[in-house]
Amino acid sequence: MKFQESLKLNKKFNHLIPGGGHTYAKGDDQFPESMPVYIERGQGCHIWDVDGNEYIEYAMGLRSVTLGHNFKPVVDAAYRQMLKGTNFGRPARIELECAEAFLGIIQNAEMVKFSKNGSDSTDGAIKIARAYTGRDMVGICADHPFFSVSDWFIGTTPMNSGIPESIPQMTVKFNYNDPESIEKLFAEYPGKIACIILEPEKYDPPVDDFLNKAKEICHKNGALFILDEMITGFRWHNGGAQKLYNVDPDLSTFGKALGNGFSIAALAGKREFLDLGGIYHKKERVFLNSTTHGAETHALAVAIATINFYQENDVIGVLYEQGRKLKEGVNKASKDLGIEDKVSIIGPDCGSVYTTRDQEGNPSQPFRTLFIQEQMKRGLLMPSSIVSYSHSDIDIAVTVERLYDAMIVYKKALNEGVEKYLDGRPVAPVWRKYN
């Protein structure tokens, strides 16, 4: 593969855009140095860069493109709505239609407020919890990587420059599948914690009814229980992971797959809480997710089309099945090569990740970089292992075949040193203090 046009664009991107991209996870430091690929178009699970190189993709818009790129029912819905106008000075009928469609599938919720991104929705949930309880502190799951771009969360990461020290002090951490760690938080900060927020599942499923136990601990201590379903929603189950695991959160947040790549997110929950963001009550007002672009009609049309497609087709079943085939194929290939303890796909079939470990079995950024490098040489864009509804059996089979060849190089690097095979610097964690 050749990357002449991408290399030409690279300097321009970094000159005009901080970090060379509008999303850190898509930045130069997350991919091999010699392959600064810039995308031209996509169709299904296939994408083409500005040099004409074709890839089978497994990033899928950071898990937001669940149906596939340029998915006709979604694109057609957006187009039809844009012909009618996208933003008005009063609510459009489609806002109600989208709310009804959403609450028809997320059945634990009674109200919903739409926004443009997941951070807005999680921020809104935190604000509601603080307003309802009169408390300031927030408990976050230490095992889950991201909840918001706002200070209450980013201030707890190594990338906390520019954030007043007092803000992250109000955010404390607990561990997944560890009810005792939640109990300890409430014991350490009695009457101070407004809520806890966590993903229903990341790589390991909840055990011993952990989610309901966590909710019970919250309610026992006068706090709200919030589920972040940005990733699990519309991927684990049509009704969200909360439906799969039979837990009824006070508030929950959705996005990503809800719009199949279009910008739309949702804060859903019980009327008792969300109504604080309304105007027909006598309590203190809460400024809740009020933005100029919060209810653009084409995004709402897309959400309705996506929900309808999920209800009419077994999207979830396909995600599990194709994810299983990919996992089994890759793990068999790594086992055949004798490196199954170094490279493997883990996590739920519908939303898995792969490991890249060094000779000692430790997670390795240089080996991750090498693996991505060898994937890209073979026509795969695979910083993760996320399947979509558009990944066919042929796509999966071709992917496994190409990854086998990439793992041959990986095995050589384990024996001879990764530096011998790596072209350029290793990728770096997003969450780091300095460049």
Protein backbone atom coordinates (compact mmCIF):
# COMPACT_ATOMS: atom_id res chain seq x y z
CA MET A 1 0.00 0.00 0.00
CA LYS A 2 1.05 3.56 -0.71
CA PHE A 3 0.18 6.62 1.38
CA GLN A 4 1.51 9.57 -0.66
CA GLU A 5 -1.65 11.67 -0.47
CA SER A 6 -2.19 10.93 3.23
CA LEU A 7 1.41 11.92 3.99
CA LYS A 8 0.89 15.20 2.11
CA LEU A 9 -2.25 15.93 4.14
CA ASN A 10 -0.65 15.06 7.46
CA LYS A 11 1.24 18.33 7.91
CA LYS A 12 -1.80 20.37 6.89
CA PHE A 13 -4.04 18.53 9.37
CA ASN A 14 -1.64 19.15 12.23
CA HIS A 15 -1.08 22.77 11.22
CA LEU A 16 -4.79 23.62 11.27
CA ILE A 17 -6.29 21.15 13.75
CA PRO A 18 -4.89 20.61 17.29
CA GLY A 19 -3.76 17.02 17.48
CA GLY A 20 -4.30 16.52 13.77
CA GLY A 21 -7.90 15.37 14.26
CA HIS A 22 -11.09 16.34 16.03
CA THR A 23 -11.15 13.17 18.15
CA TYR A 24 -8.13 11.99 20.16
CA ALA A 25 -8.88 8.32 19.51
CA LYS A 26 -8.49 8.99 15.77
CA GLY A 27 -5.25 10.96 16.10
CA ASP A 28 -1.78 10.35 14.68
CA ASP A 29 -0.46 9.01 17.99
CA GLN A 30 -2.99 6.15 17.91
CA PHE A 31 -1.76 4.70 14.60
CA PRO A 32 1.56 3.74 13.01
CA GLU A 33 3.69 6.75 12.19
CA SER A 34 4.25 5.79 8.55
CA MET A 35 0.51 5.32 7.89
CA PRO A 36 -1.37 8.56 8.65
CA VAL A 37 -4.44 7.41 6.75
CA TYR A 38 -7.19 9.91 5.86
CA ILE A 39 -10.54 8.53 4.82
CA GLU A 40 -12.38 9.44 1.62
CA ARG A 41 -15.52 7.31 1.82
CA GLY A 42 -17.15 4.21 3.26
CA GLN A 43 -19.72 1.61 2.28
CA GLY A 44 -20.92 -1.05 4.69
CA CYS A 45 -17.84 -2.20 6.59
CA HIS A 46 -15.44 -1.15 3.81
CA ILE A 47 -13.64 2.19 3.67
CA TRP A 48 -11.30 3.86 1.17
CA ASP A 49 -8.57 6.36 1.99
CA VAL A 50 -7.43 9.38 -0.07
CA ASP A 51 -4.81 7.17 -1.78
CA GLY A 52 -7.47 4.71 -2.93
CA ASN A 53 -6.49 1.96 -0.48
CA GLU A 54 -9.41 -0.21 0.61
CA TYR A 55 -9.83 -1.57 4.14
CA ILE A 56 -12.27 -3.76 6.02
CA GLU A 57 -12.95 -1.63 9.09
CA TYR A 58 -13.39 -2.70 12.71
CA ALA A 59 -13.41 0.69 14.41
CA MET A 60 -16.78 1.66 12.91
CA GLY A 61 -16.83 5.26 14.05
CA LEU A 62 -15.67 4.40 17.59
CA ARG A 63 -18.54 1.90 17.85
CA SER A 64 -21.17 4.36 16.59
CA VAL A 65 -21.67 2.89 13.10
CA THR A 66 -23.41 -0.34 14.00
CA LEU A 67 -25.43 -0.87 10.82
CA GLY A 68 -22.72 0.16 8.37
CA HIS A 69 -21.36 3.16 6.51
CA ASN A 70 -23.71 4.86 4.04
CA PHE A 71 -26.52 2.60 5.22
CA LYS A 72 -29.38 3.34 2.86
CA PRO A 73 -32.41 3.35 5.23
CA VAL A 74 -30.55 5.73 7.55
CA VAL A 75 -29.17 8.01 4.86
CA ASP A 76 -32.55 8.16 3.10
CA ALA A 77 -34.26 9.14 6.37
CA ALA A 78 -31.76 11.96 6.93
CA TYR A 79 -32.14 13.19 3.34
CA ARG A 80 -35.94 13.24 3.42
CA GLN A 81 -35.94 15.19 6.67
CA MET A 82 -33.29 17.69 5.56
CA LEU A 83 -35.51 18.63 2.63
CA LYS A 84 -38.04 19.81 5.24
CA GLY A 85 -35.54 21.80 7.31
CA THR A 86 -33.19 20.83 10.11
CA ASN A 87 -33.56 23.40 12.90
CA PHE A 88 -36.44 25.70 13.86
CA GLY A 89 -37.41 28.27 16.52
CA ARG A 90 -39.96 25.93 18.12
CA PRO A 91 -39.99 22.15 18.66
CA ALA A 92 -40.65 20.08 15.54
CA ARG A 93 -43.22 17.27 15.49
CA ILE A 94 -40.43 14.76 14.88
CA GLU A 95 -38.99 15.46 18.37
CA LEU A 96 -42.09 13.87 19.88
CA GLU A 97 -42.08 11.07 17.32
CA CYS A 98 -38.46 10.24 18.18
CA ALA A 99 -39.16 10.37 21.91
CA GLU A 100 -42.08 7.96 21.48
CA ALA A 101 -40.00 5.59 19.34
CA PHE A 102 -37.10 5.67 21.80
CA LEU A 103 -39.23 5.14 24.91
CA GLY A 104 -41.02 2.34 23.12
CA ILE A 105 -37.79 0.35 22.99
CA ILE A 106 -36.06 1.55 26.21
CA GLN A 107 -38.97 0.52 28.36
CA ASN A 108 -37.48 1.27 31.79
CA ALA A 109 -37.44 4.99 30.97
CA GLU A 110 -40.36 7.43 31.26
CA MET A 111 -38.81 10.58 29.76
CA VAL A 112 -35.97 11.36 27.38
CA LYS A 113 -33.92 14.44 26.49
CA PHE A 114 -31.93 14.35 23.25
CA SER A 115 -28.57 16.00 22.68
CA LYS A 116 -25.70 15.84 20.20
CA ASN A 117 -23.10 13.79 22.08
CA GLY A 118 -22.63 11.37 24.92
CA SER A 119 -20.82 13.79 27.20
CA ASP A 120 -23.83 16.13 27.17
CA SER A 121 -26.04 13.24 28.25
CA THR A 122 -23.79 11.98 31.05
CA ASP A 123 -23.24 15.57 32.22
CA GLY A 124 -27.00 16.03 32.32
CA ALA A 125 -27.43 12.86 34.36
CA ILE A 126 -24.84 14.03 36.89
CA LYS A 127 -26.47 17.46 37.13
CA ILE A 128 -29.91 15.94 37.72
CA ALA A 129 -28.52 13.65 40.42
CA ARG A 130 -26.81 16.55 42.17
CA ALA A 131 -29.92 18.71 41.98
CA TYR A 132 -32.22 15.94 43.21
CA THR A 133 -30.04 14.87 46.14
CA GLY A 134 -28.53 18.22 47.05
CA ARG A 135 -25.10 16.55 47.07
CA ASP A 136 -21.94 17.28 45.09
CA MET A 137 -19.87 14.10 44.90
CA VAL A 138 -19.98 11.52 42.10
CA GLY A 139 -18.84 7.87 42.18
CA ILE A 140 -17.41 6.53 38.90
CA CYS A 141 -16.35 3.03 37.97
CA ALA A 142 -12.54 2.90 37.98
CA ASP A 143 -12.56 0.00 35.48
CA HIS A 144 -14.34 1.95 32.75
CA PRO A 145 -12.25 4.34 30.66
CA PHE A 146 -14.44 7.28 29.68
CA PHE A 147 -17.61 9.07 30.77
CA SER A 148 -17.40 12.72 29.67
CA VAL A 149 -15.22 15.50 28.26
CA SER A 150 -16.26 17.70 31.20
CA ASP A 151 -14.15 18.61 34.22
CA TRP A 152 -15.90 16.29 36.68
CA PHE A 153 -14.46 13.32 34.78
CA ILE A 154 -11.44 14.53 32.78
CA GLY A 155 -10.06 16.02 35.96
CA THR A 156 -9.63 12.48 37.31
CA THR A 157 -7.40 11.43 34.37
CA PRO A 158 -3.70 12.19 33.74
CA MET A 159 -4.88 14.63 31.04
CA ASN A 160 -6.18 17.13 33.61
CA SER A 161 -4.35 20.30 32.61
CA GLY A 162 -6.58 23.37 32.74
CA ILE A 163 -8.99 21.93 35.29
CA PRO A 164 -9.25 23.46 38.81
CA GLU A 165 -7.99 21.07 41.47
CA SER A 166 -11.19 21.33 43.49
CA ILE A 167 -13.39 19.78 40.79
CA PRO A 168 -11.90 16.26 40.49
CA GLN A 169 -11.83 16.07 44.29
CA MET A 170 -15.60 15.65 44.08
CA THR A 171 -15.25 12.52 41.93
CA VAL A 172 -14.39 9.23 43.65
CA LYS A 173 -13.95 5.71 42.30
CA PHE A 174 -15.22 2.18 42.90
CA ASN A 175 -14.55 -1.15 41.20
CA TYR A 176 -16.76 -3.14 38.86
CA ASN A 177 -18.30 -6.35 40.22
CA ASP A 178 -17.27 -5.22 43.70
CA PRO A 179 -20.29 -4.12 45.77
CA GLU A 180 -18.07 -3.80 48.82
CA SER A 181 -16.06 -1.04 47.13
CA ILE A 182 -19.30 0.91 46.63
CA GLU A 183 -20.28 0.37 50.26
CA LYS A 184 -16.88 1.71 51.30
CA LEU A 185 -17.38 4.88 49.24
CA PHE A 186 -20.66 5.70 50.96
CA ALA A 187 -19.12 4.90 54.34
CA GLU A 188 -16.16 7.18 53.65
CA TYR A 189 -18.32 10.04 52.37
CA PRO A 190 -21.64 9.74 54.24
CA GLY A 191 -24.41 11.94 52.87
CA LYS A 192 -22.13 13.44 50.21
CA ILE A 193 -22.39 11.22 47.11
CA ALA A 194 -25.15 12.17 44.68
CA CYS A 195 -24.85 9.16 42.38
CA ILE A 196 -22.69 6.45 40.93
CA ILE A 197 -22.24 6.01 37.19
CA LEU A 198 -20.92 2.97 35.34
CA GLU A 199 -21.23 1.00 32.13
CA PRO A 200 -23.43 -2.11 32.50
CA GLU A 201 -20.59 -4.19 31.07
CA LYS A 202 -17.17 -3.65 29.55
CA TYR A 203 -15.20 -6.87 29.02
CA ASP A 204 -16.54 -8.99 31.87
CA PRO A 205 -20.26 -9.49 32.57
CA PRO A 206 -21.82 -8.53 35.89
CA VAL A 207 -21.69 -11.40 38.41
CA ASP A 208 -23.99 -12.23 41.30
CA ASP A 209 -26.52 -9.61 40.17
CA PHE A 210 -23.92 -6.88 40.68
CA LEU A 211 -25.89 -4.15 38.91
CA ASN A 212 -28.98 -4.55 41.07
CA LYS A 213 -26.81 -4.79 44.18
CA ALA A 214 -25.09 -1.54 43.22
CA LYS A 215 -28.47 0.10 42.72
CA GLU A 216 -29.68 -1.11 46.12
CA ILE A 217 -26.58 0.34 47.81
CA CYS A 218 -27.18 3.67 46.10
CA HIS A 219 -30.82 3.86 47.17
CA LYS A 220 -29.97 2.75 50.70
CA ASN A 221 -27.64 5.75 50.87
CA GLY A 222 -29.96 8.25 49.18
CA ALA A 223 -28.05 8.35 45.87
CA LEU A 224 -29.10 7.79 42.25
CA PHE A 225 -27.98 4.87 40.09
CA ILE A 226 -26.90 5.82 36.55
CA LEU A 227 -26.02 3.48 33.68
CA ASP A 228 -23.88 4.73 30.81
CA GLU A 229 -25.17 2.79 27.80
CA MET A 230 -23.29 4.71 25.12
CA ILE A 231 -21.60 1.50 24.00
CA THR A 232 -23.94 -1.24 25.24
CA GLY A 233 -27.14 0.45 24.06
CA PHE A 234 -28.31 -0.88 20.69
CA ARG A 235 -25.50 -3.43 20.71
CA TRP A 236 -26.05 -5.73 23.73
CA HIS A 237 -29.87 -5.82 23.41
CA ASN A 238 -32.59 -3.83 21.65
CA GLY A 239 -33.65 -2.55 25.05
CA GLY A 240 -30.10 -1.90 26.19
CA ALA A 241 -27.94 -3.90 28.57
CA GLN A 242 -30.35 -2.83 31.31
CA LYS A 243 -32.94 -5.05 29.62
CA LEU A 244 -30.46 -7.89 29.16
CA TYR A 245 -29.47 -7.84 32.82
CA ASN A 246 -32.90 -6.94 34.20
CA VAL A 247 -31.90 -3.78 36.04
CA ASP A 248 -33.96 -0.60 36.20
CA PRO A 249 -31.68 2.46 36.49
CA ASP A 250 -32.79 5.84 37.74
CA LEU A 251 -31.11 7.47 34.75
CA SER A 252 -29.33 6.08 31.70
CA THR A 253 -27.52 7.53 28.73
CA PHE A 254 -27.41 6.42 25.10
CA GLY A 255 -25.68 7.51 21.88
CA LYS A 256 -23.29 6.04 19.32
CA ALA A 257 -25.36 3.29 17.65
CA LEU A 258 -28.58 5.26 18.18
CA GLY A 259 -27.66 7.40 15.18
CA ASN A 260 -25.49 4.96 13.19
CA GLY A 261 -22.74 7.59 13.11
CA PHE A 262 -24.99 10.68 13.06
CA SER A 263 -24.70 13.00 16.04
CA ILE A 264 -27.44 12.18 18.51
CA ALA A 265 -27.46 11.06 22.13
CA ALA A 266 -30.11 10.60 24.79
CA LEU A 267 -30.55 11.03 28.52
CA ALA A 268 -33.40 8.79 29.69
CA GLY A 269 -34.89 7.98 33.05
CA LYS A 270 -37.66 8.29 35.57
CA ARG A 271 -40.02 11.24 35.38
CA GLU A 272 -39.34 12.07 39.03
CA PHE A 273 -35.77 12.99 38.13
CA LEU A 274 -35.86 14.24 34.55
CA ASP A 275 -38.82 16.53 35.18
CA LEU A 276 -36.45 18.71 37.21
CA GLY A 277 -35.16 19.85 33.82
CA GLY A 278 -38.66 20.94 32.81
CA ILE A 279 -40.66 24.11 33.41
CA TYR A 280 -43.89 22.82 34.93
CA HIS A 281 -42.84 22.31 38.54
CA LYS A 282 -42.35 24.51 41.61
CA LYS A 283 -38.82 23.31 42.47
CA GLU A 284 -35.51 24.91 41.61
CA ARG A 285 -34.86 24.97 37.88
CA VAL A 286 -32.16 22.73 36.37
CA PHE A 287 -30.47 23.79 33.12
CA LEU A 288 -30.63 20.48 31.27
CA ASN A 289 -29.02 19.84 27.87
CA SER A 290 -30.33 22.97 26.18
CA THR A 291 -28.26 23.53 23.04
CA THR A 292 -28.83 25.12 19.65
CA HIS A 293 -28.26 21.84 17.85
CA GLY A 294 -29.72 19.52 20.46
CA ALA A 295 -32.67 18.38 18.38
CA GLU A 296 -31.69 18.71 14.74
CA THR A 297 -34.47 17.05 12.83
CA HIS A 298 -32.35 14.96 10.46
CA ALA A 299 -30.57 13.32 13.41
CA LEU A 300 -33.92 12.53 15.01
CA ALA A 301 -35.13 11.05 11.72
CA VAL A 302 -32.01 8.89 11.66
CA ALA A 303 -32.66 7.69 15.21
CA ILE A 304 -36.22 6.71 14.31
CA ALA A 305 -35.01 4.88 11.19
CA THR A 306 -32.36 3.08 13.24
CA ILE A 307 -34.83 2.05 15.93
CA ASN A 308 -37.30 0.82 13.31
CA PHE A 309 -34.61 -1.19 11.53
CA TYR A 310 -33.61 -2.83 14.80
CA GLN A 311 -37.21 -3.79 15.49
CA GLU A 312 -37.76 -5.18 12.00
CA ASN A 313 -34.42 -7.01 11.70
CA ASP A 314 -32.32 -9.13 14.03
CA VAL A 315 -29.44 -6.65 14.20
CA ILE A 316 -28.37 -7.73 17.68
CA GLY A 317 -28.33 -11.39 16.63
CA VAL A 318 -26.07 -10.57 13.68
CA LEU A 319 -23.67 -8.59 15.89
CA TYR A 320 -23.33 -11.52 18.30
CA GLU A 321 -22.99 -14.09 15.51
CA GLN A 322 -20.42 -12.22 13.43
CA GLY A 323 -18.52 -11.20 16.54
CA ARG A 324 -18.41 -14.85 17.60
CA LYS A 325 -17.08 -15.93 14.20
CA LEU A 326 -14.38 -13.26 14.31
CA LYS A 327 -13.36 -14.15 17.87
CA GLU A 328 -13.24 -17.89 17.18
CA GLY A 329 -11.32 -17.43 13.94
CA VAL A 330 -8.71 -15.08 15.38
CA ASN A 331 -8.24 -17.05 18.58
CA LYS A 332 -7.81 -20.28 16.62
CA ALA A 333 -5.25 -18.60 14.38
CA SER A 334 -3.24 -17.30 17.34
CA LYS A 335 -3.41 -20.72 18.99
CA ASP A 336 -2.20 -22.41 15.81
CA LEU A 337 0.79 -20.06 15.86
CA GLY A 338 1.42 -20.67 19.56
CA ILE A 339 0.84 -17.05 20.60
CA GLU A 340 -2.66 -17.31 22.06
CA ASP A 341 -1.37 -15.83 25.34
CA LYS A 342 -0.15 -12.77 23.41
CA VAL A 343 -2.88 -12.06 20.86
CA SER A 344 -6.51 -12.90 21.51
CA ILE A 345 -9.98 -11.43 21.25
CA ILE A 346 -11.77 -11.03 24.58
CA GLY A 347 -15.05 -9.62 25.84
CA PRO A 348 -18.64 -10.01 24.65
CA ASP A 349 -19.05 -11.21 21.08
CA CYS A 350 -21.13 -8.14 20.23
CA GLY A 351 -18.44 -5.69 21.41
CA SER A 352 -15.04 -7.33 21.85
CA VAL A 353 -11.43 -6.06 21.95
CA TYR A 354 -8.12 -7.74 21.23
CA THR A 355 -5.01 -8.04 23.39
CA THR A 356 -1.43 -7.34 22.32
CA ARG A 357 1.17 -8.56 24.81
CA ASP A 358 4.95 -8.72 24.86
CA GLN A 359 7.29 -11.64 25.59
CA GLU A 360 6.55 -11.42 29.31
CA GLY A 361 2.81 -11.31 28.75
CA ASN A 362 2.41 -7.61 29.60
CA PRO A 363 0.19 -5.25 27.56
CA SER A 364 2.48 -3.60 25.03
CA GLN A 365 2.09 -0.42 23.01
CA PRO A 366 4.97 -1.34 20.63
CA PHE A 367 3.37 -4.71 19.88
CA ARG A 368 -0.04 -3.07 19.50
CA THR A 369 1.51 -0.70 16.98
CA LEU A 370 3.16 -3.56 15.10
CA PHE A 371 -0.12 -5.45 14.95
CA ILE A 372 -2.01 -2.43 13.59
CA GLN A 373 0.84 -1.78 11.13
CA GLU A 374 0.68 -5.31 9.75
CA GLN A 375 -3.12 -5.19 9.61
CA MET A 376 -3.11 -2.00 7.59
CA LYS A 377 -0.55 -3.40 5.16
CA ARG A 378 -3.09 -6.16 4.50
CA GLY A 379 -6.15 -3.95 4.08
CA LEU A 380 -7.58 -3.94 7.61
CA LEU A 381 -8.29 -0.87 9.74
CA MET A 382 -8.59 -2.57 13.08
CA PRO A 383 -7.67 -0.56 16.18
CA SER A 384 -10.45 -2.59 17.83
CA SER A 385 -12.48 -5.65 16.87
CA ILE A 386 -15.95 -4.14 16.53
CA VAL A 387 -18.28 -5.82 14.07
CA SER A 388 -21.32 -4.26 12.41
CA TYR A 389 -24.48 -5.51 10.77
CA SER A 390 -22.64 -5.07 7.45
CA HIS A 391 -19.78 -7.48 8.19
CA SER A 392 -20.49 -10.51 6.01
CA ASP A 393 -19.18 -14.03 6.41
CA ILE A 394 -16.74 -13.31 3.57
CA ASP A 395 -15.49 -10.16 5.34
CA ILE A 396 -14.89 -12.16 8.52
CA ALA A 397 -13.14 -15.00 6.71
CA VAL A 398 -10.89 -12.61 4.77
CA THR A 399 -10.10 -10.75 8.00
CA VAL A 400 -9.07 -13.91 9.84
CA GLU A 401 -6.86 -14.95 6.92
CA ARG A 402 -5.12 -11.56 6.83
CA LEU A 403 -4.72 -11.45 10.61
CA TYR A 404 -3.06 -14.88 10.51
CA ASP A 405 -0.40 -13.42 8.20
CA ALA A 406 -0.05 -10.38 10.49
CA MET A 407 0.42 -12.67 13.47
CA ILE A 408 3.25 -14.49 11.70
CA VAL A 409 5.16 -11.20 11.78
CA TYR A 410 4.06 -10.67 15.39
CA LYS A 411 5.53 -14.05 16.34
CA LYS A 412 8.82 -13.20 14.65
CA ALA A 413 8.93 -9.95 16.61
CA LEU A 414 8.40 -11.85 19.85
CA ASN A 415 11.46 -13.96 19.05
CA GLU A 416 13.69 -11.33 17.43
CA GLY A 417 12.58 -8.06 19.01
CA VAL A 418 9.73 -5.75 18.03
CA GLU A 419 12.12 -2.94 17.02
CA LYS A 420 13.29 -5.01 14.07
CA TYR A 421 9.81 -5.02 12.54
CA LEU A 422 8.25 -1.77 13.75
CA ASP A 423 8.36 1.15 11.30
CA GLY A 424 8.38 4.32 13.43
CA ARG A 425 7.40 5.15 17.02
CA PRO A 426 4.89 3.15 19.05
CA VAL A 427 1.36 4.41 19.60
CA ALA A 428 0.71 6.11 22.93
CA PRO A 429 -2.16 6.00 25.45
CA VAL A 430 -4.66 8.84 25.03
CA TRP A 431 -4.66 9.37 28.80
CA ARG A 432 -1.12 10.64 29.40
CA LYS A 433 0.26 13.72 31.14
CA TYR A 434 2.76 14.78 28.48
CA ASN A 435 3.25 14.12 24.78
